[in-house]
Amino acid sequence: MCDNAANRLLNNKIFLSVIIDKATLGTETDCLIPMMRGCHRLILVGDQHQLQPILKNKCLVKSGKCI
């Protein structure tokens, strides 16, 4: 998924805009990888009613901050 942005071939690339489709399926760290490449604009696309979110951060799950 988003972890392809960590490919060494993209080391010198800057992503001014990042669109993450099916964002409910991406883990927090997977989604951070493309955002760390100079992102100025972030668009998360997903339907929480179609696909259940995946939340692996136990602190967020316990706090009830997940959808």
PDB file of N, CA and C in Angstrom:
ATOM      1  N   MET A   1       0.843  -1.176   0.000  1.00  0.00           N
ATOM      2  CA  MET A   1       0.000   0.000   0.000  1.00  0.00           C
ATOM      3  C   MET A   1       0.885   1.235   0.000  1.00  0.00           C
ATOM      4  N   CYS A   2       0.801   2.092   0.996  1.00  0.00           N
ATOM      5  CA  CYS A   2       1.561   3.343   1.059  1.00  0.00           C
ATOM      6  C   CYS A   2       3.044   3.106   1.257  1.00  0.00           C
ATOM      7  N   ASP A   3       3.403   1.914   1.730  1.00  0.00           N
ATOM      8  CA  ASP A   3       4.807   1.663   2.018  1.00  0.00           C
ATOM      9  C   ASP A   3       5.659   1.615   0.754  1.00  0.00           C
ATOM     10  N   ASN A   4       5.050   1.562  -0.428  1.00  0.00           N
ATOM     11  CA  ASN A   4       5.809   1.637  -1.674  1.00  0.00           C
ATOM     12  C   ASN A   4       6.521   2.973  -1.807  1.00  0.00           C
ATOM     13  N   ALA A   5       6.054   3.989  -1.122  1.00  0.00           N
ATOM     14  CA  ALA A   5       6.693   5.301  -1.157  1.00  0.00           C
ATOM     15  C   ALA A   5       8.058   5.274  -0.486  1.00  0.00           C
ATOM     16  N   ALA A   6       8.372   4.229   0.266  1.00  0.00           N
ATOM     17  CA  ALA A   6       9.673   4.104   0.922  1.00  0.00           C
ATOM     18  C   ALA A   6      10.723   3.490   0.006  1.00  0.00           C
ATOM     19  N   ASN A   7      10.353   3.146  -1.211  1.00  0.00           N
ATOM     20  CA  ASN A   7      11.280   2.550  -2.165  1.00  0.00           C
ATOM     21  C   ASN A   7      12.483   3.462  -2.376  1.00  0.00           C
ATOM     22  N   ARG A   8      13.687   2.895  -2.400  1.00  0.00           N
ATOM     23  CA  ARG A   8      14.916   3.685  -2.569  1.00  0.00           C
ATOM     24  C   ARG A   8      14.930   4.490  -3.860  1.00  0.00           C
ATOM     25  N   LEU A   9      14.233   4.033  -4.881  1.00  0.00           N
ATOM     26  CA  LEU A   9      14.191   4.765  -6.150  1.00  0.00           C
ATOM     27  C   LEU A   9      13.516   6.125  -6.002  1.00  0.00           C
ATOM     28  N   LEU A  10      12.756   6.308  -4.943  1.00  0.00           N
ATOM     29  CA  LEU A  10      12.038   7.565  -4.709  1.00  0.00           C
ATOM     30  C   LEU A  10      12.725   8.459  -3.675  1.00  0.00           C
ATOM     31  N   ASN A  11      13.956   8.126  -3.278  1.00  0.00           N
ATOM     32  CA  ASN A  11      14.639   8.866  -2.211  1.00  0.00           C
ATOM     33  C   ASN A  11      14.729  10.364  -2.464  1.00  0.00           C
ATOM     34  N   ASN A  12      14.933  10.794  -3.689  1.00  0.00           N
ATOM     35  CA  ASN A  12      15.107  12.219  -3.985  1.00  0.00           C
ATOM     36  C   ASN A  12      13.821  12.884  -4.448  1.00  0.00           C
ATOM     37  N   LYS A  13      12.708  12.203  -4.337  1.00  0.00           N
ATOM     38  CA  LYS A  13      11.428  12.740  -4.802  1.00  0.00           C
ATOM     39  C   LYS A  13      10.677  13.418  -3.666  1.00  0.00           C
ATOM     40  N   ILE A  14       9.973  14.482  -4.018  1.00  0.00           N
ATOM     41  CA  ILE A  14       9.124  15.198  -3.069  1.00  0.00           C
ATOM     42  C   ILE A  14       7.687  15.037  -3.537  1.00  0.00           C
ATOM     43  N   PHE A  15       6.805  14.653  -2.636  1.00  0.00           N
ATOM     44  CA  PHE A  15       5.388  14.519  -2.954  1.00  0.00           C
ATOM     45  C   PHE A  15       4.669  15.746  -2.415  1.00  0.00           C
ATOM     46  N   LEU A  16       4.346  16.705  -3.276  1.00  0.00           N
ATOM     47  CA  LEU A  16       3.644  17.903  -2.821  1.00  0.00           C
ATOM     48  C   LEU A  16       2.212  17.584  -2.421  1.00  0.00           C
ATOM     49  N   SER A  17       1.596  16.678  -3.151  1.00  0.00           N
ATOM     50  CA  SER A  17       0.227  16.244  -2.848  1.00  0.00           C
ATOM     51  C   SER A  17       0.226  14.732  -2.693  1.00  0.00           C
ATOM     52  N   VAL A  18      -0.477  14.259  -1.691  1.00  0.00           N
ATOM     53  CA  VAL A  18      -0.585  12.823  -1.449  1.00  0.00           C
ATOM     54  C   VAL A  18      -2.061  12.469  -1.362  1.00  0.00           C
ATOM     55  N   ILE A  19      -2.473  11.488  -2.165  1.00  0.00           N
ATOM     56  CA  ILE A  19      -3.838  10.966  -2.108  1.00  0.00           C
ATOM     57  C   ILE A  19      -3.738   9.510  -1.668  1.00  0.00           C
ATOM     58  N   ILE A  20      -4.379   9.193  -0.571  1.00  0.00           N
ATOM     59  CA  ILE A  20      -4.381   7.819  -0.074  1.00  0.00           C
ATOM     60  C   ILE A  20      -5.800   7.287  -0.206  1.00  0.00           C
ATOM     61  N   ASP A  21      -5.978   6.362  -1.158  1.00  0.00           N
ATOM     62  CA  ASP A  21      -7.285   5.749  -1.381  1.00  0.00           C
ATOM     63  C   ASP A  21      -7.422   4.551  -0.446  1.00  0.00           C
ATOM     64  N   LYS A  22      -8.642   4.216  -0.105  1.00  0.00           N
ATOM     65  CA  LYS A  22      -8.921   3.145   0.853  1.00  0.00           C
ATOM     66  C   LYS A  22      -8.134   3.395   2.139  1.00  0.00           C
ATOM     67  N   ALA A  23      -8.188   4.638   2.597  1.00  0.00           N
ATOM     68  CA  ALA A  23      -7.402   5.072   3.757  1.00  0.00           C
ATOM     69  C   ALA A  23      -7.754   4.311   5.026  1.00  0.00           C
ATOM     70  N   THR A  24      -8.949   3.758   5.105  1.00  0.00           N
ATOM     71  CA  THR A  24      -9.322   3.015   6.309  1.00  0.00           C
ATOM     72  C   THR A  24      -8.532   1.719   6.438  1.00  0.00           C
ATOM     73  N   LEU A  25      -7.924   1.264   5.345  1.00  0.00           N
ATOM     74  CA  LEU A  25      -7.153   0.022   5.390  1.00  0.00           C
ATOM     75  C   LEU A  25      -5.683   0.251   5.686  1.00  0.00           C
ATOM     76  N   GLY A  26      -5.216   1.480   5.565  1.00  0.00           N
ATOM     77  CA  GLY A  26      -3.802   1.764   5.805  1.00  0.00           C
ATOM     78  C   GLY A  26      -3.509   1.893   7.287  1.00  0.00           C
ATOM     79  N   THR A  27      -2.389   1.330   7.710  1.00  0.00           N
ATOM     80  CA  THR A  27      -1.987   1.518   9.104  1.00  0.00           C
ATOM     81  C   THR A  27      -1.412   2.919   9.263  1.00  0.00           C
ATOM     82  N   GLU A  28      -1.287   3.353  10.495  1.00  0.00           N
ATOM     83  CA  GLU A  28      -0.782   4.700  10.755  1.00  0.00           C
ATOM     84  C   GLU A  28       0.605   4.892  10.155  1.00  0.00           C
ATOM     85  N   THR A  29       1.492   3.933  10.377  1.00  0.00           N
ATOM     86  CA  THR A  29       2.863   4.084   9.882  1.00  0.00           C
ATOM     87  C   THR A  29       2.929   4.002   8.367  1.00  0.00           C
ATOM     88  N   ASP A  30       2.118   3.155   7.748  1.00  0.00           N
ATOM     89  CA  ASP A  30       2.097   3.085   6.284  1.00  0.00           C
ATOM     90  C   ASP A  30       1.718   4.429   5.682  1.00  0.00           C
ATOM     91  N   CYS A  31       0.771   5.103   6.286  1.00  0.00           N
ATOM     92  CA  CYS A  31       0.308   6.385   5.753  1.00  0.00           C
ATOM     93  C   CYS A  31       1.290   7.516   6.034  1.00  0.00           C
ATOM     94  N   LEU A  32       2.128   7.368   7.053  1.00  0.00           N
ATOM     95  CA  LEU A  32       3.116   8.406   7.363  1.00  0.00           C
ATOM     96  C   LEU A  32       4.250   8.453   6.346  1.00  0.00           C
ATOM     97  N   ILE A  33       4.572   7.322   5.731  1.00  0.00           N
ATOM     98  CA  ILE A  33       5.719   7.261   4.820  1.00  0.00           C
ATOM     99  C   ILE A  33       5.598   8.270   3.680  1.00  0.00           C
ATOM    100  N   PRO A  34       4.515   8.285   2.892  1.00  0.00           N
ATOM    101  CA  PRO A  34       4.450   9.277   1.814  1.00  0.00           C
ATOM    102  C   PRO A  34       4.314  10.706   2.338  1.00  0.00           C
ATOM    103  N   MET A  35       3.732  10.871   3.521  1.00  0.00           N
ATOM    104  CA  MET A  35       3.557  12.217   4.070  1.00  0.00           C
ATOM    105  C   MET A  35       4.888  12.822   4.504  1.00  0.00           C
ATOM    106  N   MET A  36       5.900  12.010   4.737  1.00  0.00           N
ATOM    107  CA  MET A  36       7.199  12.508   5.178  1.00  0.00           C
ATOM    108  C   MET A  36       8.071  12.969   4.013  1.00  0.00           C
ATOM    109  N   ARG A  37       7.538  12.997   2.820  1.00  0.00           N
ATOM    110  CA  ARG A  37       8.300  13.405   1.638  1.00  0.00           C
ATOM    111  C   ARG A  37       7.904  14.806   1.178  1.00  0.00           C
ATOM    112  N   GLY A  38       7.757  15.721   2.085  1.00  0.00           N
ATOM    113  CA  GLY A  38       7.483  17.112   1.740  1.00  0.00           C
ATOM    114  C   GLY A  38       6.035  17.401   1.416  1.00  0.00           C
ATOM    115  N   CYS A  39       5.133  16.582   1.898  1.00  0.00           N
ATOM    116  CA  CYS A  39       3.710  16.714   1.589  1.00  0.00           C
ATOM    117  C   CYS A  39       3.153  18.057   2.068  1.00  0.00           C
ATOM    118  N   HIS A  40       2.515  18.787   1.148  1.00  0.00           N
ATOM    119  CA  HIS A  40       1.840  20.044   1.482  1.00  0.00           C
ATOM    120  C   HIS A  40       0.328  19.851   1.552  1.00  0.00           C
ATOM    121  N   ARG A  41      -0.164  18.851   0.840  1.00  0.00           N
ATOM    122  CA  ARG A  41      -1.600  18.607   0.741  1.00  0.00           C
ATOM    123  C   ARG A  41      -1.846  17.109   0.891  1.00  0.00           C
ATOM    124  N   LEU A  42      -2.744  16.741   1.789  1.00  0.00           N
ATOM    125  CA  LEU A  42      -3.050  15.335   2.033  1.00  0.00           C
ATOM    126  C   LEU A  42      -4.541  15.110   1.866  1.00  0.00           C
ATOM    127  N   ILE A  43      -4.882  14.113   1.062  1.00  0.00           N
ATOM    128  CA  ILE A  43      -6.286  13.748   0.857  1.00  0.00           C
ATOM    129  C   ILE A  43      -6.427  12.272   1.227  1.00  0.00           C
ATOM    130  N   LEU A  44      -7.253  12.002   2.223  1.00  0.00           N
ATOM    131  CA  LEU A  44      -7.542  10.630   2.629  1.00  0.00           C
ATOM    132  C   LEU A  44      -8.928  10.268   2.113  1.00  0.00           C
ATOM    133  N   VAL A  45      -9.002   9.192   1.341  1.00  0.00           N
ATOM    134  CA  VAL A  45     -10.265   8.768   0.746  1.00  0.00           C
ATOM    135  C   VAL A  45     -10.603   7.393   1.302  1.00  0.00           C
ATOM    136  N   GLY A  46     -11.803   7.246   1.806  1.00  0.00           N
ATOM    137  CA  GLY A  46     -12.206   5.947   2.324  1.00  0.00           C
ATOM    138  C   GLY A  46     -13.654   5.975   2.761  1.00  0.00           C
ATOM    139  N   ASP A  47     -14.238   4.822   2.840  1.00  0.00           N
ATOM    140  CA  ASP A  47     -15.627   4.691   3.263  1.00  0.00           C
ATOM    141  C   ASP A  47     -15.658   3.755   4.463  1.00  0.00           C
ATOM    142  N   GLN A  48     -15.788   4.323   5.648  1.00  0.00           N
ATOM    143  CA  GLN A  48     -15.754   3.513   6.862  1.00  0.00           C
ATOM    144  C   GLN A  48     -16.932   2.554   6.947  1.00  0.00           C
ATOM    145  N   HIS A  49     -17.967   2.770   6.150  1.00  0.00           N
ATOM    146  CA  HIS A  49     -19.117   1.865   6.156  1.00  0.00           C
ATOM    147  C   HIS A  49     -18.893   0.676   5.226  1.00  0.00           C
ATOM    148  N   GLN A  50     -18.019   0.841   4.234  1.00  0.00           N
ATOM    149  CA  GLN A  50     -17.733  -0.238   3.300  1.00  0.00           C
ATOM    150  C   GLN A  50     -16.638  -1.156   3.852  1.00  0.00           C
ATOM    151  N   LEU A  51     -15.536  -0.570   4.293  1.00  0.00           N
ATOM    152  CA  LEU A  51     -14.412  -1.328   4.824  1.00  0.00           C
ATOM    153  C   LEU A  51     -14.135  -0.848   6.243  1.00  0.00           C
ATOM    154  N   GLN A  52     -14.062  -1.752   7.174  1.00  0.00           N
ATOM    155  CA  GLN A  52     -13.783  -1.379   8.559  1.00  0.00           C
ATOM    156  C   GLN A  52     -12.356  -0.851   8.683  1.00  0.00           C
ATOM    157  N   PRO A  53     -12.159   0.202   9.462  1.00  0.00           N
ATOM    158  CA  PRO A  53     -10.808   0.734   9.665  1.00  0.00           C
ATOM    159  C   PRO A  53      -9.908  -0.265  10.385  1.00  0.00           C
ATOM    160  N   ILE A  54      -8.637  -0.210  10.054  1.00  0.00           N
ATOM    161  CA  ILE A  54      -7.637  -1.011  10.742  1.00  0.00           C
ATOM    162  C   ILE A  54      -6.867  -0.057  11.640  1.00  0.00           C
ATOM    163  N   LEU A  55      -6.923  -0.282  12.924  1.00  0.00           N
ATOM    164  CA  LEU A  55      -6.216   0.584  13.864  1.00  0.00           C
ATOM    165  C   LEU A  55      -5.357  -0.300  14.744  1.00  0.00           C
ATOM    166  N   LYS A  56      -4.046  -0.152  14.617  1.00  0.00           N
ATOM    167  CA  LYS A  56      -3.140  -1.012  15.367  1.00  0.00           C
ATOM    168  C   LYS A  56      -2.550  -0.322  16.586  1.00  0.00           C
ATOM    169  N   ASN A  57      -2.786   0.962  16.737  1.00  0.00           N
ATOM    170  CA  ASN A  57      -2.273   1.699  17.882  1.00  0.00           C
ATOM    171  C   ASN A  57      -3.158   1.384  19.085  1.00  0.00           C
ATOM    172  N   LYS A  58      -2.644   0.605  20.016  1.00  0.00           N
ATOM    173  CA  LYS A  58      -3.449   0.137  21.155  1.00  0.00           C
ATOM    174  C   LYS A  58      -3.940   1.282  22.029  1.00  0.00           C
ATOM    175  N   CYS A  59      -3.143   2.349  22.132  1.00  0.00           N
ATOM    176  CA  CYS A  59      -3.562   3.504  22.946  1.00  0.00           C
ATOM    177  C   CYS A  59      -4.814   4.145  22.358  1.00  0.00           C
ATOM    178  N   LEU A  60      -4.862   4.277  21.030  1.00  0.00           N
ATOM    179  CA  LEU A  60      -6.034   4.868  20.391  1.00  0.00           C
ATOM    180  C   LEU A  60      -7.250   3.962  20.521  1.00  0.00           C
ATOM    181  N   VAL A  61      -7.035   2.667  20.370  1.00  0.00           N
ATOM    182  CA  VAL A  61      -8.143   1.722  20.494  1.00  0.00           C
ATOM    183  C   VAL A  61      -8.730   1.795  21.903  1.00  0.00           C
ATOM    184  N   LYS A  62      -7.879   1.796  22.923  1.00  0.00           N
ATOM    185  CA  LYS A  62      -8.349   1.839  24.316  1.00  0.00           C
ATOM    186  C   LYS A  62      -9.038   3.153  24.645  1.00  0.00           C
ATOM    187  N   SER A  63      -8.588   4.239  24.019  1.00  0.00           N
ATOM    188  CA  SER A  63      -9.167   5.551  24.333  1.00  0.00           C
ATOM    189  C   SER A  63     -10.492   5.781  23.616  1.00  0.00           C
ATOM    190  N   GLY A  64     -10.842   4.875  22.681  1.00  0.00           N
ATOM    191  CA  GLY A  64     -12.091   5.031  21.950  1.00  0.00           C
ATOM    192  C   GLY A  64     -12.007   6.049  20.833  1.00  0.00           C
ATOM    193  N   LYS A  65     -10.791   6.419  20.419  1.00  0.00           N
ATOM    194  CA  LYS A  65     -10.612   7.419  19.367  1.00  0.00           C
ATOM    195  C   LYS A  65     -10.772   6.830  17.972  1.00  0.00           C
ATOM    196  N   CYS A  66     -10.916   5.513  17.878  1.00  0.00           N
ATOM    197  CA  CYS A  66     -11.077   4.916  16.561  1.00  0.00           C
ATOM    198  C   CYS A  66     -12.539   4.968  16.148  1.00  0.00           C
ATOM    199  N   ILE A  67     -12.770   4.855  14.871  1.00  0.00           N
ATOM    200  CA  ILE A  67     -14.122   4.946  14.317  1.00  0.00           C
ATOM    201  C   ILE A  67     -14.866   3.658  14.607  1.00  0.00           C
TER     202      ILE A  67
END
